[in-house]
C-alpha atoms as a PDB file:
ATOM      1  CA  UNK A   1       0.000   0.000   0.000  1.00  0.00           C
ATOM      2  CA  UNK A   2       2.858   2.413   0.830  1.00  0.00           C
ATOM      3  CA  UNK A   3       4.382   1.798  -2.593  1.00  0.00           C
ATOM      4  CA  UNK A   4       1.091   2.585  -4.324  1.00  0.00           C
ATOM      5  CA  UNK A   5       0.655   5.713  -2.193  1.00  0.00           C
ATOM      6  CA  UNK A   6       3.925   7.022  -3.648  1.00  0.00           C
ATOM      7  CA  UNK A   7       2.402   6.984  -7.165  1.00  0.00           C
ATOM      8  CA  UNK A   8      -0.223   8.184  -5.803  1.00  0.00           C
ATOM      9  CA  UNK A   9      -2.783   5.363  -6.001  1.00  0.00           C
ATOM     10  CA  UNK A  10      -5.075   4.575  -3.103  1.00  0.00           C
ATOM     11  CA  UNK A  11      -5.040   0.785  -2.907  1.00  0.00           C
ATOM     12  CA  UNK A  12      -8.047  -0.302  -0.857  1.00  0.00           C
ATOM     13  CA  UNK A  13     -11.068  -2.666  -0.689  1.00  0.00           C
ATOM     14  CA  UNK A  14      -8.991  -5.399   0.988  1.00  0.00           C
ATOM     15  CA  UNK A  15     -10.862  -8.535   2.046  1.00  0.00           C
ATOM     16  CA  UNK A  16      -9.805 -11.859   3.603  1.00  0.00           C
ATOM     17  CA  UNK A  17     -11.680 -14.925   4.836  1.00  0.00           C
ATOM     18  CA  UNK A  18     -10.465 -14.627   8.447  1.00  0.00           C
ATOM     19  CA  UNK A  19     -12.304 -12.244  10.765  1.00  0.00           C
ATOM     20  CA  UNK A  20      -9.212 -11.734  12.976  1.00  0.00           C
ATOM     21  CA  UNK A  21      -7.024 -10.732  10.046  1.00  0.00           C
ATOM     22  CA  UNK A  22      -9.849  -8.630   8.632  1.00  0.00           C
ATOM     23  CA  UNK A  23      -9.957  -6.693  11.911  1.00  0.00           C
ATOM     24  CA  UNK A  24      -6.281  -5.764  11.512  1.00  0.00           C
ATOM     25  CA  UNK A  25      -6.986  -3.931   8.260  1.00  0.00           C
ATOM     26  CA  UNK A  26      -7.839  -0.235   8.761  1.00  0.00           C
ATOM     27  CA  UNK A  27     -11.559   0.311   8.269  1.00  0.00           C
ATOM     28  CA  UNK A  28     -10.995   2.815   5.461  1.00  0.00           C
ATOM     29  CA  UNK A  29      -9.074   0.164   3.507  1.00  0.00           C
ATOM     30  CA  UNK A  30     -11.487  -2.746   4.010  1.00  0.00           C
ATOM     31  CA  UNK A  31     -13.974  -3.916   1.402  1.00  0.00           C
ATOM     32  CA  UNK A  32     -17.389  -2.429   2.002  1.00  0.00           C
ATOM     33  CA  UNK A  33     -19.119  -5.786   1.459  1.00  0.00           C
ATOM     34  CA  UNK A  34     -18.418  -9.331   2.636  1.00  0.00           C
ATOM     35  CA  UNK A  35     -19.287 -10.707  -0.791  1.00  0.00           C
ATOM     36  CA  UNK A  36     -17.191  -9.688  -3.794  1.00  0.00           C
ATOM     37  CA  UNK A  37     -16.785 -10.827  -7.378  1.00  0.00           C
ATOM     38  CA  UNK A  38     -13.636 -12.791  -8.168  1.00  0.00           C
ATOM     39  CA  UNK A  39     -13.022 -13.915 -11.764  1.00  0.00           C
ATOM     40  CA  UNK A  40     -16.745 -13.911 -12.460  1.00  0.00           C
ATOM     41  CA  UNK A  41     -17.688 -15.847  -9.313  1.00  0.00           C
ATOM     42  CA  UNK A  42     -19.291 -14.315  -6.227  1.00  0.00           C
ATOM     43  CA  UNK A  43     -17.050 -14.996  -3.226  1.00  0.00           C
ATOM     44  CA  UNK A  44     -18.619 -15.070   0.243  1.00  0.00           C
ATOM     45  CA  UNK A  45     -15.688 -14.273   2.538  1.00  0.00           C
ATOM     46  CA  UNK A  46     -17.559 -15.412   5.672  1.00  0.00           C
ATOM     47  CA  UNK A  47     -18.724 -18.826   4.432  1.00  0.00           C
ATOM     48  CA  UNK A  48     -15.726 -19.038   2.065  1.00  0.00           C
ATOM     49  CA  UNK A  49     -17.814 -20.221  -0.867  1.00  0.00           C
ATOM     50  CA  UNK A  50     -18.064 -19.536  -4.588  1.00  0.00           C
ATOM     51  CA  UNK A  51     -21.470 -18.781  -6.079  1.00  0.00           C
ATOM     52  CA  UNK A  52     -21.962 -19.172  -9.818  1.00  0.00           C
ATOM     53  CA  UNK A  53     -24.875 -17.314 -11.354  1.00  0.00           C
ATOM     54  CA  UNK A  54     -26.819 -19.571 -13.702  1.00  0.00           C
ATOM     55  CA  UNK A  55     -28.629 -18.182 -16.716  1.00  0.00           C
ATOM     56  CA  UNK A  56     -32.405 -17.956 -16.425  1.00  0.00           C
ATOM     57  CA  UNK A  57     -34.039 -18.516 -19.834  1.00  0.00           C
ATOM     58  CA  UNK A  58     -37.308 -16.594 -19.608  1.00  0.00           C
ATOM     59  CA  UNK A  59     -38.413 -16.340 -23.224  1.00  0.00           C
ATOM     60  CA  UNK A  60     -41.271 -18.593 -24.343  1.00  0.00           C
ATOM     61  CA  UNK A  61     -40.263 -18.449 -27.995  1.00  0.00           C
ATOM     62  CA  UNK A  62     -36.678 -17.148 -28.245  1.00  0.00           C
ATOM     63  CA  UNK A  63     -34.719 -15.909 -31.207  1.00  0.00           C
ATOM     64  CA  UNK A  64     -31.350 -17.351 -32.142  1.00  0.00           C
ATOM     65  CA  UNK A  65     -29.816 -14.269 -30.509  1.00  0.00           C
ATOM     66  CA  UNK A  66     -31.751 -14.959 -27.275  1.00  0.00           C
ATOM     67  CA  UNK A  67     -30.408 -18.524 -27.130  1.00  0.00           C
ATOM     68  CA  UNK A  68     -26.809 -17.396 -27.662  1.00  0.00           C
ATOM     69  CA  UNK A  69     -27.158 -14.574 -25.136  1.00  0.00           C
ATOM     70  CA  UNK A  70     -28.643 -16.807 -22.415  1.00  0.00           C
ATOM     71  CA  UNK A  71     -25.949 -19.434 -22.955  1.00  0.00           C
ATOM     72  CA  UNK A  72     -23.195 -16.816 -22.580  1.00  0.00           C
ATOM     73  CA  UNK A  73     -24.716 -15.470 -19.344  1.00  0.00           C
ATOM     74  CA  UNK A  74     -23.421 -18.438 -17.317  1.00  0.00           C
ATOM     75  CA  UNK A  75     -19.751 -17.568 -16.807  1.00  0.00           C
ATOM     76  CA  UNK A  76     -17.984 -20.560 -15.284  1.00  0.00           C
ATOM     77  CA  UNK A  77     -14.276 -20.888 -16.181  1.00  0.00           C
ATOM     78  CA  UNK A  78     -13.769 -23.912 -13.878  1.00  0.00           C
ATOM     79  CA  UNK A  79     -16.620 -25.833 -15.457  1.00  0.00           C
ATOM     80  CA  UNK A  80     -18.769 -26.686 -12.428  1.00  0.00           C
ATOM     81  CA  UNK A  81     -21.929 -26.124 -14.485  1.00  0.00           C
ATOM     82  CA  UNK A  82     -20.741 -28.171 -17.472  1.00  0.00           C
ATOM     83  CA  UNK A  83     -23.344 -30.990 -17.081  1.00  0.00           C
ATOM     84  CA  UNK A  84     -26.404 -28.759 -16.981  1.00  0.00           C
ATOM     85  CA  UNK A  85     -25.284 -26.703 -19.996  1.00  0.00           C
ATOM     86  CA  UNK A  86     -25.037 -29.703 -22.338  1.00  0.00           C
ATOM     87  CA  UNK A  87     -28.608 -29.393 -23.708  1.00  0.00           C
ATOM     88  CA  UNK A  88     -28.083 -25.639 -24.068  1.00  0.00           C
ATOM     89  CA  UNK A  89     -24.957 -26.122 -26.203  1.00  0.00           C
ATOM     90  CA  UNK A  90     -26.665 -28.759 -28.302  1.00  0.00           C
ATOM     91  CA  UNK A  91     -29.620 -26.432 -28.936  1.00  0.00           C
ATOM     92  CA  UNK A  92     -27.264 -23.634 -29.951  1.00  0.00           C
ATOM     93  CA  UNK A  93     -25.587 -25.933 -32.456  1.00  0.00           C
ATOM     94  CA  UNK A  94     -28.963 -26.920 -33.938  1.00  0.00           C
ATOM     95  CA  UNK A  95     -29.811 -23.237 -34.322  1.00  0.00           C
ATOM     96  CA  UNK A  96     -26.674 -22.729 -36.392  1.00  0.00           C
ATOM     97  CA  UNK A  97     -27.345 -25.847 -38.455  1.00  0.00           C
ATOM     98  CA  UNK A  98     -30.860 -24.640 -39.240  1.00  0.00           C
ATOM     99  CA  UNK A  99     -29.427 -21.613 -41.044  1.00  0.00           C
ATOM    100  CA  UNK A 100     -31.762 -19.121 -39.401  1.00  0.00           C
ATOM    101  CA  UNK A 101     -30.826 -15.468 -39.124  1.00  0.00           C
ATOM    102  CA  UNK A 102     -29.706 -13.875 -35.884  1.00  0.00           C
ATOM    103  CA  UNK A 103     -33.056 -12.323 -34.969  1.00  0.00           C
ATOM    104  CA  UNK A 104     -35.273 -15.103 -36.293  1.00  0.00           C
ATOM    105  CA  UNK A 105     -37.325 -17.026 -33.746  1.00  0.00           C
ATOM    106  CA  UNK A 106     -36.263 -20.641 -33.443  1.00  0.00           C
ATOM    107  CA  UNK A 107     -38.462 -23.066 -35.423  1.00  0.00           C
ATOM    108  CA  UNK A 108     -41.255 -25.025 -33.763  1.00  0.00           C
ATOM    109  CA  UNK A 109     -39.232 -28.249 -33.966  1.00  0.00           C
ATOM    110  CA  UNK A 110     -36.639 -26.738 -31.600  1.00  0.00           C
ATOM    111  CA  UNK A 111     -39.113 -25.402 -29.065  1.00  0.00           C
ATOM    112  CA  UNK A 112     -39.207 -28.819 -27.372  1.00  0.00           C
ATOM    113  CA  UNK A 113     -35.443 -28.586 -26.823  1.00  0.00           C
ATOM    114  CA  UNK A 114     -35.835 -25.031 -25.508  1.00  0.00           C
ATOM    115  CA  UNK A 115     -38.393 -26.224 -22.970  1.00  0.00           C
ATOM    116  CA  UNK A 116     -35.983 -28.957 -21.853  1.00  0.00           C
ATOM    117  CA  UNK A 117     -33.324 -26.290 -21.314  1.00  0.00           C
ATOM    118  CA  UNK A 118     -35.741 -24.260 -19.193  1.00  0.00           C
ATOM    119  CA  UNK A 119     -36.587 -27.327 -17.125  1.00  0.00           C
ATOM    120  CA  UNK A 120     -32.920 -28.119 -16.481  1.00  0.00           C
ATOM    121  CA  UNK A 121     -32.014 -24.545 -15.544  1.00  0.00           C
ATOM    122  CA  UNK A 122     -34.415 -24.198 -12.624  1.00  0.00           C
ATOM    123  CA  UNK A 123     -31.776 -23.109 -10.107  1.00  0.00           C
ATOM    124  CA  UNK A 124     -30.576 -19.525 -10.374  1.00  0.00           C
ATOM    125  CA  UNK A 125     -27.185 -20.189  -8.801  1.00  0.00           C
ATOM    126  CA  UNK A 126     -24.738 -22.887  -7.703  1.00  0.00           C
ATOM    127  CA  UNK A 127     -22.749 -22.485  -4.473  1.00  0.00           C
ATOM    128  CA  UNK A 128     -19.658 -24.569  -3.729  1.00  0.00           C
ATOM    129  CA  UNK A 129     -16.854 -24.440  -1.107  1.00  0.00           C
ATOM    130  CA  UNK A 130     -13.822 -22.461  -2.238  1.00  0.00           C
ATOM    131  CA  UNK A 131     -11.324 -24.628  -0.348  1.00  0.00           C
ATOM    132  CA  UNK A 132     -10.572 -28.043  -1.779  1.00  0.00           C
ATOM    133  CA  UNK A 133      -9.769 -29.291   1.727  1.00  0.00           C
ATOM    134  CA  UNK A 134      -9.818 -27.803   5.210  1.00  0.00           C
ATOM    135  CA  UNK A 135      -6.775 -29.829   6.316  1.00  0.00           C
ATOM    136  CA  UNK A 136      -3.322 -29.143   4.942  1.00  0.00           C
ATOM    137  CA  UNK A 137      -1.333 -31.817   6.798  1.00  0.00           C
ATOM    138  CA  UNK A 138      -1.918 -34.251   3.932  1.00  0.00           C
ATOM    139  CA  UNK A 139       0.595 -36.953   3.027  1.00  0.00           C
ATOM    140  CA  UNK A 140       0.078 -36.782  -0.722  1.00  0.00           C
ATOM    141  CA  UNK A 141      -1.810 -34.790  -3.316  1.00  0.00           C
ATOM    142  CA  UNK A 142      -3.009 -36.462  -6.498  1.00  0.00           C
ATOM    143  CA  UNK A 143      -4.959 -35.339  -9.520  1.00  0.00           C
ATOM    144  CA  UNK A 144      -7.550 -37.830 -10.774  1.00  0.00           C
ATOM    145  CA  UNK A 145      -8.702 -37.359 -14.373  1.00  0.00           C
ATOM    146  CA  UNK A 146     -11.849 -38.905 -15.858  1.00  0.00           C
ATOM    147  CA  UNK A 147     -12.932 -38.674 -19.495  1.00  0.00           C
ATOM    148  CA  UNK A 148     -15.920 -39.884 -21.476  1.00  0.00           C
ATOM    149  CA  UNK A 149     -17.913 -39.230 -24.632  1.00  0.00           C
ATOM    150  CA  UNK A 150     -21.402 -39.699 -26.020  1.00  0.00           C
ATOM    151  CA  UNK A 151     -22.762 -39.326 -29.530  1.00  0.00           C
ATOM    152  CA  UNK A 152     -22.939 -35.534 -29.056  1.00  0.00           C
ATOM    153  CA  UNK A 153     -20.366 -34.514 -26.430  1.00  0.00           C
ATOM    154  CA  UNK A 154     -16.824 -35.096 -25.202  1.00  0.00           C
ATOM    155  CA  UNK A 155     -15.945 -34.270 -21.600  1.00  0.00           C
ATOM    156  CA  UNK A 156     -13.291 -34.489 -18.912  1.00  0.00           C
ATOM    157  CA  UNK A 157     -13.199 -33.825 -15.179  1.00  0.00           C
ATOM    158  CA  UNK A 158     -10.306 -33.506 -12.789  1.00  0.00           C
ATOM    159  CA  UNK A 159     -10.477 -34.157  -9.052  1.00  0.00           C
ATOM    160  CA  UNK A 160      -8.117 -33.218  -6.236  1.00  0.00           C
ATOM    161  CA  UNK A 161      -7.298 -36.228  -4.015  1.00  0.00           C
ATOM    162  CA  UNK A 162      -5.774 -35.576  -0.573  1.00  0.00           C
ATOM    163  CA  UNK A 163      -4.448 -38.521   1.469  1.00  0.00           C
ATOM    164  CA  UNK A 164      -4.081 -38.374   5.277  1.00  0.00           C
ATOM    165  CA  UNK A 165      -2.384 -40.773   7.676  1.00  0.00           C
ATOM    166  CA  UNK A 166      -5.203 -40.639  10.237  1.00  0.00           C
ATOM    167  CA  UNK A 167      -8.332 -40.030   8.164  1.00  0.00           C
ATOM    168  CA  UNK A 168     -10.062 -41.082   4.929  1.00  0.00           C
ATOM    169  CA  UNK A 169      -8.966 -39.262   1.781  1.00  0.00           C
ATOM    170  CA  UNK A 170     -10.717 -36.094   0.667  1.00  0.00           C
ATOM    171  CA  UNK A 171     -11.724 -35.968  -2.997  1.00  0.00           C
ATOM    172  CA  UNK A 172     -13.044 -32.717  -4.490  1.00  0.00           C
ATOM    173  CA  UNK A 173     -13.984 -31.659  -7.995  1.00  0.00           C
ATOM    174  CA  UNK A 174     -11.373 -29.212  -9.234  1.00  0.00           C
ATOM    175  CA  UNK A 175     -12.385 -28.467 -12.819  1.00  0.00           C
ATOM    176  CA  UNK A 176     -14.324 -29.813 -15.785  1.00  0.00           C
ATOM    177  CA  UNK A 177     -14.504 -29.170 -19.497  1.00  0.00           C
ATOM    178  CA  UNK A 178     -16.626 -30.394 -22.365  1.00  0.00           C
ATOM    179  CA  UNK A 179     -16.848 -29.921 -26.103  1.00  0.00           C
ATOM    180  CA  UNK A 180     -19.688 -30.549 -28.504  1.00  0.00           C
ATOM    181  CA  UNK A 181     -19.066 -32.770 -31.503  1.00  0.00           C
ATOM    182  CA  UNK A 182     -18.546 -30.855 -34.719  1.00  0.00           C
ATOM    183  CA  UNK A 183     -21.584 -30.931 -36.977  1.00  0.00           C
ATOM    184  CA  UNK A 184     -19.236 -31.414 -39.937  1.00  0.00           C
ATOM    185  CA  UNK A 185     -18.190 -34.827 -38.629  1.00  0.00           C
ATOM    186  CA  UNK A 186     -21.453 -36.705 -38.119  1.00  0.00           C
ATOM    187  CA  UNK A 187     -19.757 -39.978 -39.070  1.00  0.00           C
ATOM    188  CA  UNK A 188     -17.377 -39.892 -36.096  1.00  0.00           C
ATOM    189  CA  UNK A 189     -17.804 -42.967 -33.907  1.00  0.00           C
ATOM    190  CA  UNK A 190     -18.068 -42.906 -30.124  1.00  0.00           C
ATOM    191  CA  UNK A 191     -14.632 -44.604 -29.746  1.00  0.00           C
ATOM    192  CA  UNK A 192     -13.111 -41.758 -31.793  1.00  0.00           C
ATOM    193  CA  UNK A 193     -14.916 -39.186 -29.652  1.00  0.00           C
ATOM    194  CA  UNK A 194     -13.582 -40.943 -26.549  1.00  0.00           C
ATOM    195  CA  UNK A 195     -10.048 -40.412 -27.876  1.00  0.00           C
ATOM    196  CA  UNK A 196     -10.804 -36.705 -28.251  1.00  0.00           C
ATOM    197  CA  UNK A 197     -12.140 -36.741 -24.677  1.00  0.00           C
ATOM    198  CA  UNK A 198      -8.825 -38.200 -23.518  1.00  0.00           C
ATOM    199  CA  UNK A 199      -7.062 -35.327 -25.291  1.00  0.00           C
ATOM    200  CA  UNK A 200      -9.303 -32.829 -23.461  1.00  0.00           C
ATOM    201  CA  UNK A 201      -8.514 -34.543 -20.148  1.00  0.00           C
ATOM    202  CA  UNK A 202      -4.777 -34.575 -20.862  1.00  0.00           C
ATOM    203  CA  UNK A 203      -4.727 -30.862 -21.666  1.00  0.00           C
ATOM    204  CA  UNK A 204      -6.817 -30.140 -18.579  1.00  0.00           C
ATOM    205  CA  UNK A 205      -4.349 -32.088 -16.405  1.00  0.00           C
ATOM    206  CA  UNK A 206      -1.301 -30.349 -17.892  1.00  0.00           C
ATOM    207  CA  UNK A 207      -2.822 -26.889 -17.405  1.00  0.00           C
ATOM    208  CA  UNK A 208      -3.861 -27.740 -13.847  1.00  0.00           C
ATOM    209  CA  UNK A 209      -0.376 -28.944 -12.880  1.00  0.00           C
ATOM    210  CA  UNK A 210       1.110 -25.740 -14.298  1.00  0.00           C
ATOM    211  CA  UNK A 211      -1.348 -23.459 -12.495  1.00  0.00           C
ATOM    212  CA  UNK A 212      -1.901 -25.146  -9.132  1.00  0.00           C
ATOM    213  CA  UNK A 213       1.684 -24.463  -7.970  1.00  0.00           C
ATOM    214  CA  UNK A 214       1.861 -27.164  -5.286  1.00  0.00           C
ATOM    215  CA  UNK A 215       3.710 -30.504  -5.540  1.00  0.00           C
ATOM    216  CA  UNK A 216       1.602 -33.163  -7.222  1.00  0.00           C
ATOM    217  CA  UNK A 217       2.392 -36.740  -6.191  1.00  0.00           C
ATOM    218  CA  UNK A 218       0.706 -38.333  -9.176  1.00  0.00           C
ATOM    219  CA  UNK A 219      -1.693 -37.693 -12.029  1.00  0.00           C
ATOM    220  CA  UNK A 220      -3.889 -40.703 -12.599  1.00  0.00           C
END
């Protein structure tokens, strides 16, 4: 803060998840709220949780632009909402394949899929713990990668696995990623898509190891 004051720039709005440490920060420099946005997520510093805002599709008969806009509203870089957005992504692809213009209403044949999307997206938010574990005296830290594919999607998830000498292991979802099958390759078989899913999982594991910055015992 002293360095920034020399510029002069008033660095402020500090916030931590420990009430004792928070009390040590001068009141004028503290964040005015206990919930702040961090990389698109809402962080509750008291409960130490992330909250992801989920898109709420309200239109009864949307345009192609409405579908794209609602899909983009759910910002989730770690991929916790990946499963519930699958029908949304598939619908968006069908809109493109139909050849409709940007402000055209989606055809009647796609309204059934739109209703399915609305049924899936009933919750307005998803709240998850920020910490992967509350104990840091672990013996080993592993990354567990799972991949799979269906006729429409390829996906991968990565879990953090903490082992303890006096307690059961703690396993927590760390990140997930999926990709819709290209419409130009309808003849791709599921085994081929599973290979692409393995590639997604491998890239996800490599990026995680590079970014997590703690020793990883094993990636499995």
